[in-house]
C-alpha atoms as a PDB file:
ATOM      1  CA  GLN A   1     -14.896 -86.065  88.132  1.00  0.00           C
ATOM      2  CA  ASP A   2     -11.177 -86.370  89.000  1.00  0.00           C
ATOM      3  CA  LYS A   3     -11.776 -89.556  91.014  1.00  0.00           C
ATOM      4  CA  VAL A   4      -8.761 -91.886  91.133  1.00  0.00           C
ATOM      5  CA  CYS A   5      -9.041 -95.665  91.168  1.00  0.00           C
ATOM      6  CA  SER A   6      -7.573 -96.930  94.471  1.00  0.00           C
ATOM      7  CA  ILE A   7      -6.014 -99.882  92.689  1.00  0.00           C
ATOM      8  CA  CYS A   8      -4.430 -98.644  89.501  1.00  0.00           C
ATOM      9  CA  MET A   9      -4.164 -95.009  90.739  1.00  0.00           C
ATOM     10  CA  GLU A  10      -5.471 -93.593  87.397  1.00  0.00           C
ATOM     11  CA  VAL A  11      -8.135 -90.998  87.017  1.00  0.00           C
ATOM     12  CA  VAL A  12     -11.076 -93.212  85.931  1.00  0.00           C
ATOM     13  CA  VAL A  13     -12.598 -90.778  83.380  1.00  0.00           C
ATOM     14  CA  GLN A  14      -9.247 -90.109  81.852  1.00  0.00           C
ATOM     15  CA  LYS A  15      -8.113 -93.723  81.223  1.00  0.00           C
ATOM     16  CA  ALA A  16      -6.594 -94.391  77.795  1.00  0.00           C
ATOM     17  CA  ASN A  17      -9.150 -96.882  76.580  1.00  0.00           C
ATOM     18  CA  PRO A  18     -12.626 -95.270  76.468  1.00  0.00           C
ATOM     19  CA  SER A  19     -14.307 -98.605  77.435  1.00  0.00           C
ATOM     20  CA  ASP A  20     -12.282 -98.507  80.691  1.00  0.00           C
ATOM     21  CA  ARG A  21     -13.725 -95.153  81.754  1.00  0.00           C
ATOM     22  CA  ARG A  22     -16.354 -96.664  84.042  1.00  0.00           C
ATOM     23  CA  PHE A  23     -16.564 -96.778  87.805  1.00  0.00           C
ATOM     24  CA  GLY A  24     -17.136-100.013  89.709  1.00  0.00           C
ATOM     25  CA  ILE A  25     -19.185 -98.699  92.578  1.00  0.00           C
ATOM     26  CA  LEU A  26     -19.369-101.002  95.585  1.00  0.00           C
ATOM     27  CA  SER A  27     -22.822-101.308  97.183  1.00  0.00           C
ATOM     28  CA  SER A  28     -21.607-100.919 100.796  1.00  0.00           C
ATOM     29  CA  CYS A  29     -18.730 -98.381 100.810  1.00  0.00           C
ATOM     30  CA  CYS A  30     -17.724 -95.192  99.097  1.00  0.00           C
ATOM     31  CA  HIS A  31     -14.201 -96.006  97.864  1.00  0.00           C
ATOM     32  CA  THR A  32     -13.339 -95.298  94.223  1.00  0.00           C
ATOM     33  CA  PHE A  33     -12.412 -98.042  91.733  1.00  0.00           C
ATOM     34  CA  CYS A  34     -12.501 -98.373  87.964  1.00  0.00           C
ATOM     35  CA  LEU A  35     -14.707-101.239  86.908  1.00  0.00           C
ATOM     36  CA  ALA A  36     -11.837-103.306  85.420  1.00  0.00           C
ATOM     37  CA  CYS A  37      -9.786-103.211  88.575  1.00  0.00           C
ATOM     38  CA  ILE A  38     -12.552-104.055  91.050  1.00  0.00           C
ATOM     39  CA  ARG A  39     -13.790-106.872  88.849  1.00  0.00           C
ATOM     40  CA  LYS A  40     -10.254-108.241  88.636  1.00  0.00           C
ATOM     41  CA  TRP A  41      -9.954-107.991  92.435  1.00  0.00           C
ATOM     42  CA  ARG A  42     -13.217-109.830  92.942  1.00  0.00           C
ATOM     43  CA  CYS A  43     -12.228-112.617  90.491  1.00  0.00           C
ATOM     44  CA  THR A  44      -8.992-113.486  92.228  1.00  0.00           C
ATOM     45  CA  ARG A  45      -8.847-116.954  93.767  1.00  0.00           C
ATOM     46  CA  THR A  46      -5.948-116.412  96.121  1.00  0.00           C
ATOM     47  CA  PHE A  47      -8.142-115.049  98.962  1.00  0.00           C
ATOM     48  CA  SER A  48     -11.240-116.266 100.783  1.00  0.00           C
ATOM     49  CA  ASN A  49     -14.670-115.333  99.484  1.00  0.00           C
ATOM     50  CA  THR A  50     -15.177-112.823 102.288  1.00  0.00           C
ATOM     51  CA  ILE A  51     -11.983-110.918 101.342  1.00  0.00           C
ATOM     52  CA  ILE A  52     -12.873-110.993  97.620  1.00  0.00           C
ATOM     53  CA  LYS A  53     -16.255-109.483  98.317  1.00  0.00           C
ATOM     54  CA  SER A  54     -14.699-106.833 100.606  1.00  0.00           C
ATOM     55  CA  CYS A  55     -13.471-103.382  99.629  1.00  0.00           C
ATOM     56  CA  PRO A  56      -9.713-103.534  99.105  1.00  0.00           C
ATOM     57  CA  GLU A  57      -9.368-100.396 101.264  1.00  0.00           C
ATOM     58  CA  CYS A  58     -11.880-100.692 104.150  1.00  0.00           C
ATOM     59  CA  ARG A  59     -12.695-104.430 103.978  1.00  0.00           C
ATOM     60  CA  VAL A  60     -16.477-103.745 104.197  1.00  0.00           C
ATOM     61  CA  VAL A  61     -18.309-106.551 102.351  1.00  0.00           C
ATOM     62  CA  SER A  62     -20.312-105.441  99.247  1.00  0.00           C
ATOM     63  CA  GLU A  63     -22.515-108.071  97.721  1.00  0.00           C
ATOM     64  CA  PHE A  64     -22.248-106.603  94.181  1.00  0.00           C
ATOM     65  CA  VAL A  65     -20.517-104.033  92.051  1.00  0.00           C
ATOM     66  CA  ILE A  66     -22.485-101.406  90.049  1.00  0.00           C
ATOM     67  CA  PRO A  67     -20.940-100.353  86.724  1.00  0.00           C
ATOM     68  CA  SER A  68     -21.425 -96.641  86.156  1.00  0.00           C
ATOM     69  CA  VAL A  69     -20.121 -93.957  83.809  1.00  0.00           C
ATOM     70  CA  TYR A  70     -20.499 -91.381  86.546  1.00  0.00           C
ATOM     71  CA  TRP A  71     -19.538 -91.265  90.200  1.00  0.00           C
ATOM     72  CA  VAL A  72     -22.113 -90.786  92.921  1.00  0.00           C
ATOM     73  CA  GLU A  73     -21.206 -89.130  96.280  1.00  0.00           C
ATOM     74  CA  ASP A  74     -24.612 -88.657  97.872  1.00  0.00           C
ATOM     75  CA  GLN A  75     -26.127 -91.809  99.574  1.00  0.00           C
ATOM     76  CA  GLU A  76     -29.512 -91.033  98.106  1.00  0.00           C
ATOM     77  CA  ASP A  77     -28.103 -90.882  94.561  1.00  0.00           C
ATOM     78  CA  LYS A  78     -26.178 -94.153  95.257  1.00  0.00           C
ATOM     79  CA  ASP A  79     -29.395 -95.850  96.477  1.00  0.00           C
ATOM     80  CA  HIS A  80     -31.208 -94.731  93.318  1.00  0.00           C
ATOM     81  CA  LEU A  81     -28.302 -96.079  91.182  1.00  0.00           C
ATOM     82  CA  ILE A  82     -28.474 -99.429  93.026  1.00  0.00           C
ATOM     83  CA  ASP A  83     -32.270 -99.643  92.507  1.00  0.00           C
ATOM     84  CA  LEU A  84     -31.829 -98.900  88.762  1.00  0.00           C
ATOM     85  CA  PHE A  85     -29.029-101.515  88.546  1.00  0.00           C
ATOM     86  CA  LYS A  86     -31.120-104.222  90.319  1.00  0.00           C
ATOM     87  CA  SER A  87     -34.101-103.420  88.194  1.00  0.00           C
ATOM     88  CA  GLY A  88     -32.019-103.719  85.010  1.00  0.00           C
ATOM     89  CA  VAL A  89     -30.291-106.974  85.765  1.00  0.00           C
ATOM     90  CA  SER A  90     -33.424-108.583  87.135  1.00  0.00           C
ATOM     91  CA  LYS A  91     -34.785-108.521  83.550  1.00  0.00           C
ATOM     92  CA  LYS A  92     -31.673-110.340  82.145  1.00  0.00           C
ATOM     93  CA  ALA A  93     -31.529-114.135  82.241  1.00  0.00           C
ATOM     94  CA  CYS A  94     -28.987-115.644  84.617  1.00  0.00           C
ATOM     95  CA  LYS A  95     -26.255-117.357  82.565  1.00  0.00           C
ATOM     96  CA  TYR A  96     -25.739-119.971  85.337  1.00  0.00           C
ATOM     97  CA  PHE A  97     -29.389-120.886  85.711  1.00  0.00           C
ATOM     98  CA  ASP A  98     -29.611-121.105  81.953  1.00  0.00           C
ATOM     99  CA  GLN A  99     -33.470-121.403  81.814  1.00  0.00           C
ATOM    100  CA  GLY A 100     -33.444-124.385  84.229  1.00  0.00           C
ATOM    101  CA  ARG A 101     -30.691-126.292  82.482  1.00  0.00           C
ATOM    102  CA  GLY A 102     -27.994-125.133  84.935  1.00  0.00           C
ATOM    103  CA  SER A 103     -27.521-124.334  88.535  1.00  0.00           C
ATOM    104  CA  CYS A 104     -26.885-120.787  89.879  1.00  0.00           C
ATOM    105  CA  PRO A 105     -24.168-120.735  92.641  1.00  0.00           C
ATOM    106  CA  PHE A 106     -25.740-117.579  94.084  1.00  0.00           C
ATOM    107  CA  GLY A 107     -29.163-119.076  94.736  1.00  0.00           C
ATOM    108  CA  GLY A 108     -31.622-116.545  96.222  1.00  0.00           C
ATOM    109  CA  LYS A 109     -28.962-113.870  96.299  1.00  0.00           C
ATOM    110  CA  CYS A 110     -28.691-113.772  92.485  1.00  0.00           C
ATOM    111  CA  LEU A 111     -29.871-110.501  91.017  1.00  0.00           C
ATOM    112  CA  TYR A 112     -30.542-111.976  87.552  1.00  0.00           C
ATOM    113  CA  LEU A 113     -33.689-113.564  86.202  1.00  0.00           C
ATOM    114  CA  HIS A 114     -34.252-117.231  86.973  1.00  0.00           C
ATOM    115  CA  ALA A 115     -36.959-118.261  84.604  1.00  0.00           C
ATOM    116  CA  PHE A 116     -37.791-121.393  82.552  1.00  0.00           C
ATOM    117  CA  PRO A 117     -38.235-121.290  78.718  1.00  0.00           C
ATOM    118  CA  ASP A 118     -41.946-120.780  79.127  1.00  0.00           C
ATOM    119  CA  GLY A 119     -41.409-117.665  81.248  1.00  0.00           C
ATOM    120  CA  THR A 120     -42.347-118.947  84.606  1.00  0.00           C
ATOM    121  CA  ARG A 121     -39.997-117.872  87.325  1.00  0.00           C
ATOM    122  CA  ALA A 122     -38.020-120.392  89.359  1.00  0.00           C
ATOM    123  CA  GLU A 123     -38.268-120.393  93.119  1.00  0.00           C
ATOM    124  CA  PRO A 124     -34.825-120.034  94.647  1.00  0.00           C
ATOM    125  CA  ASP A 125     -33.522-123.102  96.430  1.00  0.00           C
ATOM    126  CA  ARG A 126     -33.879-122.995 100.181  1.00  0.00           C
ATOM    127  CA  PRO A 127     -30.421-122.781 101.852  1.00  0.00           C
ATOM    128  CA  ARG A 128     -29.230-125.971 103.517  1.00  0.00           C
ATOM    129  CA  LYS A 129     -27.693-126.167 106.934  1.00  0.00           C
ATOM    130  CA  GLN A 130     -24.196-127.530 107.447  1.00  0.00           C
ATOM    131  CA  LEU A 131     -22.893-128.313 110.890  1.00  0.00           C
ATOM    132  CA  SER A 132     -19.084-128.461 111.073  1.00  0.00           C
ATOM    133  CA  SER A 133     -17.168-130.746 113.438  1.00  0.00           C
ATOM    134  CA  GLU A 134     -16.367-127.623 115.550  1.00  0.00           C
ATOM    135  CA  GLY A 135     -20.118-127.081 116.045  1.00  0.00           C
ATOM    136  CA  ASN A 136     -20.419-124.134 113.692  1.00  0.00           C
ATOM    137  CA  VAL A 137     -23.543-123.864 111.559  1.00  0.00           C
ATOM    138  CA  ARG A 138     -23.469-122.338 108.095  1.00  0.00           C
ATOM    139  CA  PHE A 139     -26.114-122.019 105.480  1.00  0.00           C
ATOM    140  CA  MET A 140     -25.367-123.142 101.896  1.00  0.00           C
ATOM    141  CA  ASN A 141     -27.391-122.638  98.744  1.00  0.00           C
ATOM    142  CA  SER A 142     -26.069-125.865  97.197  1.00  0.00           C
ATOM    143  CA  VAL A 143     -23.788-128.590  98.611  1.00  0.00           C
ATOM    144  CA  ARG A 144     -20.800-129.292  96.361  1.00  0.00           C
ATOM    145  CA  LEU A 145     -17.757-131.423  97.204  1.00  0.00           C
ATOM    146  CA  TRP A 146     -15.545-128.382  96.493  1.00  0.00           C
ATOM    147  CA  ASP A 147     -17.178-126.437  99.330  1.00  0.00           C
ATOM    148  CA  PHE A 148     -16.015-129.074 101.818  1.00  0.00           C
ATOM    149  CA  ILE A 149     -12.499-129.251 100.375  1.00  0.00           C
ATOM    150  CA  GLU A 150     -12.163-125.438 100.324  1.00  0.00           C
ATOM    151  CA  GLU A 151     -13.354-125.225 103.953  1.00  0.00           C
ATOM    152  CA  ARG A 152     -10.932-127.913 105.117  1.00  0.00           C
ATOM    153  CA  GLU A 153      -8.026-126.176 103.324  1.00  0.00           C
ATOM    154  CA  GLN A 154      -8.804-122.899 105.013  1.00  0.00           C
ATOM    155  CA  ARG A 155      -8.717-124.404 108.520  1.00  0.00           C
ATOM    156  CA  SER A 156      -5.463-124.013 110.387  1.00  0.00           C
ATOM    157  CA  VAL A 157      -3.936-127.431 110.515  1.00  0.00           C
ATOM    158  CA  PRO A 158      -0.587-127.912 112.327  1.00  0.00           C
ATOM    159  CA  PRO A 159       2.189-128.618 109.815  1.00  0.00           C
ATOM    160  CA  LEU A 160       3.255-132.215 109.462  1.00  0.00           C
ATOM    161  CA  PRO A 161       6.883-132.960 110.507  1.00  0.00           C
ATOM    162  CA  ALA A 162       9.210-132.691 107.631  1.00  0.00           C
ATOM    163  CA  LEU A 163       9.876-135.983 105.751  1.00  0.00           C
ATOM    164  CA  ASP A 164      13.656-135.368 106.145  1.00  0.00           C
ATOM    165  CA  ASP A 165      13.268-135.422 109.903  1.00  0.00           C
ATOM    166  CA  ASP A 166      11.351-138.684 109.812  1.00  0.00           C
ATOM    167  CA  MET A 167      14.044-140.256 107.543  1.00  0.00           C
ATOM    168  CA  ALA A 168      16.862-139.057 109.823  1.00  0.00           C
ATOM    169  CA  GLU A 169      15.078-140.474 112.872  1.00  0.00           C
ATOM    170  CA  LEU A 170      14.476-143.834 111.097  1.00  0.00           C
ATOM    171  CA  ARG A 171      18.118-143.929 109.960  1.00  0.00           C
ATOM    172  CA  GLU A 172      19.376-143.304 113.489  1.00  0.00           C
ATOM    173  CA  LEU A 173      17.004-145.996 114.896  1.00  0.00           C
ATOM    174  CA  PHE A 174      18.159-148.420 112.291  1.00  0.00           C
ATOM    175  CA  MET A 175      21.854-147.735 113.049  1.00  0.00           C
ATOM    176  CA  GLN A 176      21.268-148.292 116.819  1.00  0.00           C
ATOM    177  CA  MET A 177      19.470-151.583 116.196  1.00  0.00           C
ATOM    178  CA  SER A 178      21.943-152.913 113.630  1.00  0.00           C
ATOM    179  CA  GLY A 179      25.119-151.961 115.487  1.00  0.00           C
ATOM    180  CA  PRO A 180      27.235-154.472 117.454  1.00  0.00           C
ATOM    181  CA  SER A 181      25.741-155.450 120.747  1.00  0.00           C
ATOM    182  CA  HIS A 182      27.907-154.957 123.813  1.00  0.00           C
ATOM    183  CA  ASP A 183      26.940-157.617 126.372  1.00  0.00           C
END
């Protein structure tokens, strides 16, 4: 169990704080991370959602992180761990859904329980289609203004000319127009 976290480069089971001695096992790859580091990576807002959900090493997207006190090498063991994890969290109430008082941003992909106070389970919202001006279709669980703003900011937009250049051009034009006329 001398597995080293690929982010902090510490042996996970030898970390100073006993509560930090847990692995953050990604569902779709086999790279090693401590739970604290991979959670911090996935919470960053400086990258796109696809990068955040990707392994920092191989960039393979993993939908979730499994906390574990032990490391699994064998795929069969990993699949069993994933099943146990999903089974465990599916019994816990989703903090975003909040028994129907809130809205879960993960929709049908959420692993947590979406149930009302009387115990009846909520049906996940059907994803909505969004057609961009470029003709791309994407499916969304909910439509929020922020989604449109974020998408627009991520598009490559040619930079606007610098304000100083505009001012210099206007100044030069003004000087030409206000100078003495030579008839």
